[in-house]
PDB file of N, CA and C in Angstrom:
ATOM      1  N   MET A   1       2.400 -34.485  26.254  1.00  0.00           N
ATOM      2  CA  MET A   1       1.354 -34.404  27.240  1.00  0.00           C
ATOM      3  C   MET A   1       0.895 -35.824  27.561  1.00  0.00           C
ATOM      4  N   LYS A   2       0.604 -36.051  28.844  1.00  0.00           N
ATOM      5  CA  LYS A   2       0.147 -37.362  29.304  1.00  0.00           C
ATOM      6  C   LYS A   2      -1.190 -37.219  30.007  1.00  0.00           C
ATOM      7  N   THR A   3      -1.932 -38.279  30.047  1.00  0.00           N
ATOM      8  CA  THR A   3      -3.203 -38.325  30.750  1.00  0.00           C
ATOM      9  C   THR A   3      -3.026 -39.143  32.012  1.00  0.00           C
ATOM     10  N   ILE A   4      -3.546 -38.620  33.130  1.00  0.00           N
ATOM     11  CA  ILE A   4      -3.497 -39.371  34.384  1.00  0.00           C
ATOM     12  C   ILE A   4      -4.919 -39.515  34.914  1.00  0.00           C
ATOM     13  N   THR A   5      -5.104 -40.490  35.781  1.00  0.00           N
ATOM     14  CA  THR A   5      -6.399 -40.702  36.409  1.00  0.00           C
ATOM     15  C   THR A   5      -6.251 -40.429  37.892  1.00  0.00           C
ATOM     16  N   ILE A   6      -7.160 -39.605  38.421  1.00  0.00           N
ATOM     17  CA  ILE A   6      -7.172 -39.311  39.848  1.00  0.00           C
ATOM     18  C   ILE A   6      -8.585 -39.506  40.371  1.00  0.00           C
ATOM     19  N   SER A   7      -8.689 -39.676  41.675  1.00  0.00           N
ATOM     20  CA  SER A   7     -10.021 -39.862  42.262  1.00  0.00           C
ATOM     21  C   SER A   7     -10.807 -38.562  42.181  1.00  0.00           C
ATOM     22  N   ASP A   8     -12.115 -38.672  42.269  1.00  0.00           N
ATOM     23  CA  ASP A   8     -12.979 -37.491  42.260  1.00  0.00           C
ATOM     24  C   ASP A   8     -12.630 -36.559  43.416  1.00  0.00           C
ATOM     25  N   GLU A   9     -12.308 -37.143  44.556  1.00  0.00           N
ATOM     26  CA  GLU A   9     -11.955 -36.349  45.745  1.00  0.00           C
ATOM     27  C   GLU A   9     -10.705 -35.507  45.489  1.00  0.00           C
ATOM     28  N   VAL A  10      -9.685 -36.095  44.918  1.00  0.00           N
ATOM     29  CA  VAL A  10      -8.453 -35.369  44.608  1.00  0.00           C
ATOM     30  C   VAL A  10      -8.724 -34.308  43.544  1.00  0.00           C
ATOM     31  N   TYR A  11      -9.509 -34.637  42.556  1.00  0.00           N
ATOM     32  CA  TYR A  11      -9.865 -33.676  41.510  1.00  0.00           C
ATOM     33  C   TYR A  11     -10.529 -32.445  42.118  1.00  0.00           C
ATOM     34  N   GLU A  12     -11.482 -32.647  43.013  1.00  0.00           N
ATOM     35  CA  GLU A  12     -12.189 -31.529  43.644  1.00  0.00           C
ATOM     36  C   GLU A  12     -11.232 -30.664  44.460  1.00  0.00           C
ATOM     37  N   LYS A  13     -10.278 -31.287  45.146  1.00  0.00           N
ATOM     38  CA  LYS A  13      -9.284 -30.527  45.906  1.00  0.00           C
ATOM     39  C   LYS A  13      -8.435 -29.668  44.971  1.00  0.00           C
ATOM     40  N   LEU A  14      -8.014 -30.244  43.861  1.00  0.00           N
ATOM     41  CA  LEU A  14      -7.212 -29.497  42.895  1.00  0.00           C
ATOM     42  C   LEU A  14      -7.994 -28.344  42.285  1.00  0.00           C
ATOM     43  N   VAL A  15      -9.256 -28.572  41.982  1.00  0.00           N
ATOM     44  CA  VAL A  15     -10.102 -27.518  41.411  1.00  0.00           C
ATOM     45  C   VAL A  15     -10.193 -26.341  42.386  1.00  0.00           C
ATOM     46  N   ARG A  16     -10.344 -26.639  43.675  1.00  0.00           N
ATOM     47  CA  ARG A  16     -10.482 -25.580  44.674  1.00  0.00           C
ATOM     48  C   ARG A  16      -9.213 -24.724  44.782  1.00  0.00           C
ATOM     49  N   ILE A  17      -8.048 -25.325  44.633  1.00  0.00           N
ATOM     50  CA  ILE A  17      -6.818 -24.551  44.826  1.00  0.00           C
ATOM     51  C   ILE A  17      -6.243 -23.984  43.534  1.00  0.00           C
ATOM     52  N   LYS A  18      -6.704 -24.437  42.395  1.00  0.00           N
ATOM     53  CA  LYS A  18      -6.055 -24.042  41.144  1.00  0.00           C
ATOM     54  C   LYS A  18      -6.382 -22.643  40.678  1.00  0.00           C
ATOM     55  N   GLY A  19      -7.576 -22.143  40.940  1.00  0.00           N
ATOM     56  CA  GLY A  19      -7.934 -20.811  40.446  1.00  0.00           C
ATOM     57  C   GLY A  19      -7.864 -20.797  38.930  1.00  0.00           C
ATOM     58  N   LYS A  20      -7.143 -19.816  38.374  1.00  0.00           N
ATOM     59  CA  LYS A  20      -7.031 -19.694  36.913  1.00  0.00           C
ATOM     60  C   LYS A  20      -5.806 -20.411  36.365  1.00  0.00           C
ATOM     61  N   ARG A  21      -5.041 -21.032  37.239  1.00  0.00           N
ATOM     62  CA  ARG A  21      -3.839 -21.748  36.801  1.00  0.00           C
ATOM     63  C   ARG A  21      -4.217 -23.109  36.206  1.00  0.00           C
ATOM     64  N   SER A  22      -3.273 -23.693  35.524  1.00  0.00           N
ATOM     65  CA  SER A  22      -3.503 -25.031  34.968  1.00  0.00           C
ATOM     66  C   SER A  22      -3.299 -26.078  36.062  1.00  0.00           C
ATOM     67  N   PHE A  23      -3.855 -27.249  35.835  1.00  0.00           N
ATOM     68  CA  PHE A  23      -3.640 -28.352  36.767  1.00  0.00           C
ATOM     69  C   PHE A  23      -2.151 -28.692  36.840  1.00  0.00           C
ATOM     70  N   SER A  24      -1.470 -28.657  35.709  1.00  0.00           N
ATOM     71  CA  SER A  24      -0.033 -28.961  35.687  1.00  0.00           C
ATOM     72  C   SER A  24       0.741 -27.994  36.568  1.00  0.00           C
ATOM     73  N   SER A  25       0.393 -26.732  36.497  1.00  0.00           N
ATOM     74  CA  SER A  25       1.060 -25.712  37.303  1.00  0.00           C
ATOM     75  C   SER A  25       0.853 -25.962  38.794  1.00  0.00           C
ATOM     76  N   VAL A  26      -0.370 -26.287  39.175  1.00  0.00           N
ATOM     77  CA  VAL A  26      -0.687 -26.547  40.582  1.00  0.00           C
ATOM     78  C   VAL A  26       0.057 -27.780  41.082  1.00  0.00           C
ATOM     79  N   ILE A  27       0.030 -28.842  40.311  1.00  0.00           N
ATOM     80  CA  ILE A  27       0.706 -30.079  40.718  1.00  0.00           C
ATOM     81  C   ILE A  27       2.208 -29.848  40.831  1.00  0.00           C
ATOM     82  N   ASP A  28       2.784 -29.124  39.879  1.00  0.00           N
ATOM     83  CA  ASP A  28       4.213 -28.826  39.923  1.00  0.00           C
ATOM     84  C   ASP A  28       4.564 -28.031  41.176  1.00  0.00           C
ATOM     85  N   GLU A  29       3.756 -27.039  41.508  1.00  0.00           N
ATOM     86  CA  GLU A  29       3.993 -26.230  42.707  1.00  0.00           C
ATOM     87  C   GLU A  29       3.928 -27.082  43.969  1.00  0.00           C
ATOM     88  N   LEU A  30       2.945 -27.975  44.047  1.00  0.00           N
ATOM     89  CA  LEU A  30       2.811 -28.843  45.209  1.00  0.00           C
ATOM     90  C   LEU A  30       4.016 -29.776  45.357  1.00  0.00           C
ATOM     91  N   ILE A  31       4.508 -30.281  44.254  1.00  0.00           N
ATOM     92  CA  ILE A  31       5.689 -31.156  44.286  1.00  0.00           C
ATOM     93  C   ILE A  31       6.897 -30.374  44.785  1.00  0.00           C
ATOM     94  N   LYS A  32       7.099 -29.169  44.267  1.00  0.00           N
ATOM     95  CA  LYS A  32       8.239 -28.346  44.686  1.00  0.00           C
ATOM     96  C   LYS A  32       8.177 -28.029  46.177  1.00  0.00           C
ATOM     97  N   LYS A  33       6.984 -27.704  46.678  1.00  0.00           N
ATOM     98  CA  LYS A  33       6.837 -27.410  48.109  1.00  0.00           C
ATOM     99  C   LYS A  33       7.197 -28.629  48.951  1.00  0.00           C
ATOM    100  N   ASN A  34       6.757 -29.803  48.515  1.00  0.00           N
ATOM    101  CA  ASN A  34       7.035 -31.023  49.251  1.00  0.00           C
ATOM    102  C   ASN A  34       8.532 -31.294  49.278  1.00  0.00           C
ATOM    103  N   VAL A  35       9.203 -31.126  48.156  1.00  0.00           N
ATOM    104  CA  VAL A  35      10.650 -31.337  48.085  1.00  0.00           C
ATOM    105  C   VAL A  35      11.352 -30.354  49.006  1.00  0.00           C
ATOM    106  N   GLU A  36      10.933 -29.111  48.980  1.00  0.00           N
ATOM    107  CA  GLU A  36      11.559 -28.080  49.816  1.00  0.00           C
ATOM    108  C   GLU A  36      11.416 -28.411  51.299  1.00  0.00           C
ATOM    109  N   LYS A  37      10.242 -28.873  51.711  1.00  0.00           N
ATOM    110  CA  LYS A  37      10.024 -29.250  53.111  1.00  0.00           C
ATOM    111  C   LYS A  37      10.938 -30.399  53.512  1.00  0.00           C
ATOM    112  N   ARG A  38      11.087 -31.375  52.649  1.00  0.00           N
ATOM    113  CA  ARG A  38      11.949 -32.522  52.953  1.00  0.00           C
ATOM    114  C   ARG A  38      13.408 -32.091  53.077  1.00  0.00           C
ATOM    115  N   ILE A  39      13.840 -31.209  52.200  1.00  0.00           N
ATOM    116  CA  ILE A  39      15.215 -30.707  52.257  1.00  0.00           C
ATOM    117  C   ILE A  39      15.441 -29.972  53.569  1.00  0.00           C
ATOM    118  N   GLU A  40      14.511 -29.128  53.970  1.00  0.00           N
ATOM    119  CA  GLU A  40      14.641 -28.391  55.223  1.00  0.00           C
ATOM    120  C   GLU A  40      14.773 -29.344  56.410  1.00  0.00           C
ATOM    121  N   LYS A  41      13.972 -30.398  56.414  1.00  0.00           N
ATOM    122  CA  LYS A  41      14.051 -31.376  57.503  1.00  0.00           C
ATOM    123  C   LYS A  41      15.410 -32.082  57.518  1.00  0.00           C
ATOM    124  N   LEU A  42      15.935 -32.411  56.339  1.00  0.00           N
ATOM    125  CA  LEU A  42      17.244 -33.051  56.267  1.00  0.00           C
ATOM    126  C   LEU A  42      18.339 -32.125  56.796  1.00  0.00           C
ATOM    127  N   ILE A  43      18.252 -30.856  56.436  1.00  0.00           N
ATOM    128  CA  ILE A  43      19.253 -29.897  56.897  1.00  0.00           C
ATOM    129  C   ILE A  43      19.175 -29.737  58.416  1.00  0.00           C
ATOM    130  N   GLU A  44      17.979 -29.675  58.953  1.00  0.00           N
ATOM    131  CA  GLU A  44      17.814 -29.592  60.405  1.00  0.00           C
ATOM    132  C   GLU A  44      18.471 -30.790  61.085  1.00  0.00           C
ATOM    133  N   ALA A  45      18.261 -31.966  60.532  1.00  0.00           N
ATOM    134  CA  ALA A  45      18.856 -33.170  61.103  1.00  0.00           C
ATOM    135  C   ALA A  45      20.380 -33.146  60.958  1.00  0.00           C
ATOM    136  N   ALA A  46      20.858 -32.626  59.838  1.00  0.00           N
ATOM    137  CA  ALA A  46      22.303 -32.590  59.586  1.00  0.00           C
ATOM    138  C   ALA A  46      23.014 -31.610  60.506  1.00  0.00           C
ATOM    139  N   GLU A  47      22.327 -30.573  60.944  1.00  0.00           N
ATOM    140  CA  GLU A  47      22.942 -29.594  61.836  1.00  0.00           C
ATOM    141  C   GLU A  47      23.433 -30.252  63.116  1.00  0.00           C
ATOM    142  N   LYS A  48      22.786 -31.291  63.527  1.00  0.00           N
ATOM    143  CA  LYS A  48      23.165 -32.006  64.740  1.00  0.00           C
ATOM    144  C   LYS A  48      24.377 -32.898  64.519  1.00  0.00           C
ATOM    145  N   THR A  49      24.702 -33.187  63.274  1.00  0.00           N
ATOM    146  CA  THR A  49      25.804 -34.103  62.980  1.00  0.00           C
ATOM    147  C   THR A  49      27.052 -33.402  62.467  1.00  0.00           C
ATOM    148  N   GLY A  50      26.916 -32.128  62.074  1.00  0.00           N
ATOM    149  CA  GLY A  50      28.058 -31.404  61.543  1.00  0.00           C
ATOM    150  C   GLY A  50      28.207 -31.515  60.038  1.00  0.00           C
ATOM    151  N   TYR A  51      27.272 -32.114  59.360  1.00  0.00           N
ATOM    152  CA  TYR A  51      27.343 -32.283  57.906  1.00  0.00           C
ATOM    153  C   TYR A  51      26.437 -31.309  57.152  1.00  0.00           C
ATOM    154  N   GLU A  52      26.015 -30.231  57.823  1.00  0.00           N
ATOM    155  CA  GLU A  52      25.053 -29.333  57.191  1.00  0.00           C
ATOM    156  C   GLU A  52      25.597 -28.658  55.939  1.00  0.00           C
ATOM    157  N   GLU A  53      26.902 -28.341  55.898  1.00  0.00           N
ATOM    158  CA  GLU A  53      27.465 -27.696  54.701  1.00  0.00           C
ATOM    159  C   GLU A  53      27.428 -28.633  53.499  1.00  0.00           C
ATOM    160  N   GLU A  54      27.772 -29.884  53.724  1.00  0.00           N
ATOM    161  CA  GLU A  54      27.710 -30.865  52.633  1.00  0.00           C
ATOM    162  C   GLU A  54      26.272 -31.019  52.143  1.00  0.00           C
ATOM    163  N   LEU A  55      25.362 -31.098  53.074  1.00  0.00           N
ATOM    164  CA  LEU A  55      23.964 -31.282  52.712  1.00  0.00           C
ATOM    165  C   LEU A  55      23.409 -30.044  52.013  1.00  0.00           C
ATOM    166  N   GLU A  56      23.860 -28.855  52.405  1.00  0.00           N
ATOM    167  CA  GLU A  56      23.429 -27.634  51.715  1.00  0.00           C
ATOM    168  C   GLU A  56      23.829 -27.690  50.240  1.00  0.00           C
ATOM    169  N   GLY A  57      25.057 -28.169  49.966  1.00  0.00           N
ATOM    170  CA  GLY A  57      25.509 -28.282  48.577  1.00  0.00           C
ATOM    171  C   GLY A  57      24.670 -29.257  47.784  1.00  0.00           C
ATOM    172  N   ILE A  58      24.393 -30.382  48.379  1.00  0.00           N
ATOM    173  CA  ILE A  58      23.570 -31.402  47.723  1.00  0.00           C
ATOM    174  C   ILE A  58      22.154 -30.879  47.515  1.00  0.00           C
ATOM    175  N   SER A  59      21.598 -30.223  48.535  1.00  0.00           N
ATOM    176  CA  SER A  59      20.228 -29.722  48.427  1.00  0.00           C
ATOM    177  C   SER A  59      20.120 -28.642  47.357  1.00  0.00           C
ATOM    178  N   GLY A  60      21.184 -27.859  47.167  1.00  0.00           N
ATOM    179  CA  GLY A  60      21.177 -26.867  46.092  1.00  0.00           C
ATOM    180  C   GLY A  60      21.021 -27.519  44.734  1.00  0.00           C
ATOM    181  N   LYS A  61      21.708 -28.624  44.542  1.00  0.00           N
ATOM    182  CA  LYS A  61      21.591 -29.359  43.279  1.00  0.00           C
ATOM    183  C   LYS A  61      20.187 -29.927  43.101  1.00  0.00           C
ATOM    184  N   ILE A  62      19.615 -30.413  44.189  1.00  0.00           N
ATOM    185  CA  ILE A  62      18.252 -30.962  44.131  1.00  0.00           C
ATOM    186  C   ILE A  62      17.271 -29.849  43.790  1.00  0.00           C
ATOM    187  N   ARG A  63      17.417 -28.699  44.439  1.00  0.00           N
ATOM    188  CA  ARG A  63      16.513 -27.576  44.163  1.00  0.00           C
ATOM    189  C   ARG A  63      16.596 -27.162  42.699  1.00  0.00           C
ATOM    190  N   GLU A  64      17.797 -27.108  42.152  1.00  0.00           N
ATOM    191  CA  GLU A  64      17.974 -26.730  40.759  1.00  0.00           C
ATOM    192  C   GLU A  64      17.267 -27.707  39.817  1.00  0.00           C
ATOM    193  N   SER A  65      17.304 -28.979  40.152  1.00  0.00           N
ATOM    194  CA  SER A  65      16.691 -29.981  39.271  1.00  0.00           C
ATOM    195  C   SER A  65      15.163 -29.873  39.256  1.00  0.00           C
ATOM    196  N   PHE A  66      14.585 -29.202  40.278  1.00  0.00           N
ATOM    197  CA  PHE A  66      13.130 -29.059  40.332  1.00  0.00           C
ATOM    198  C   PHE A  66      12.659 -27.709  39.831  1.00  0.00           C
ATOM    199  N   ARG A  67      13.562 -26.889  39.288  1.00  0.00           N
ATOM    200  CA  ARG A  67      13.158 -25.570  38.765  1.00  0.00           C
ATOM    201  C   ARG A  67      12.845 -25.624  37.322  1.00  0.00           C
TER     202      ARG A  67
END
């Protein structure tokens, strides 16, 4: 376990969205959502170039590493 320091503003935002979950759980979920959004944008861009299948394979590996 590690200790991190965040601003009061960020802490209050996390408290509002966490409910009964742990802070670690909320932060992990937010990171996964951000990664997923970035992957989707990359795939959209790749569709225009013809490399979407290659990128789908790579993105699958990235998704697995965040599970």
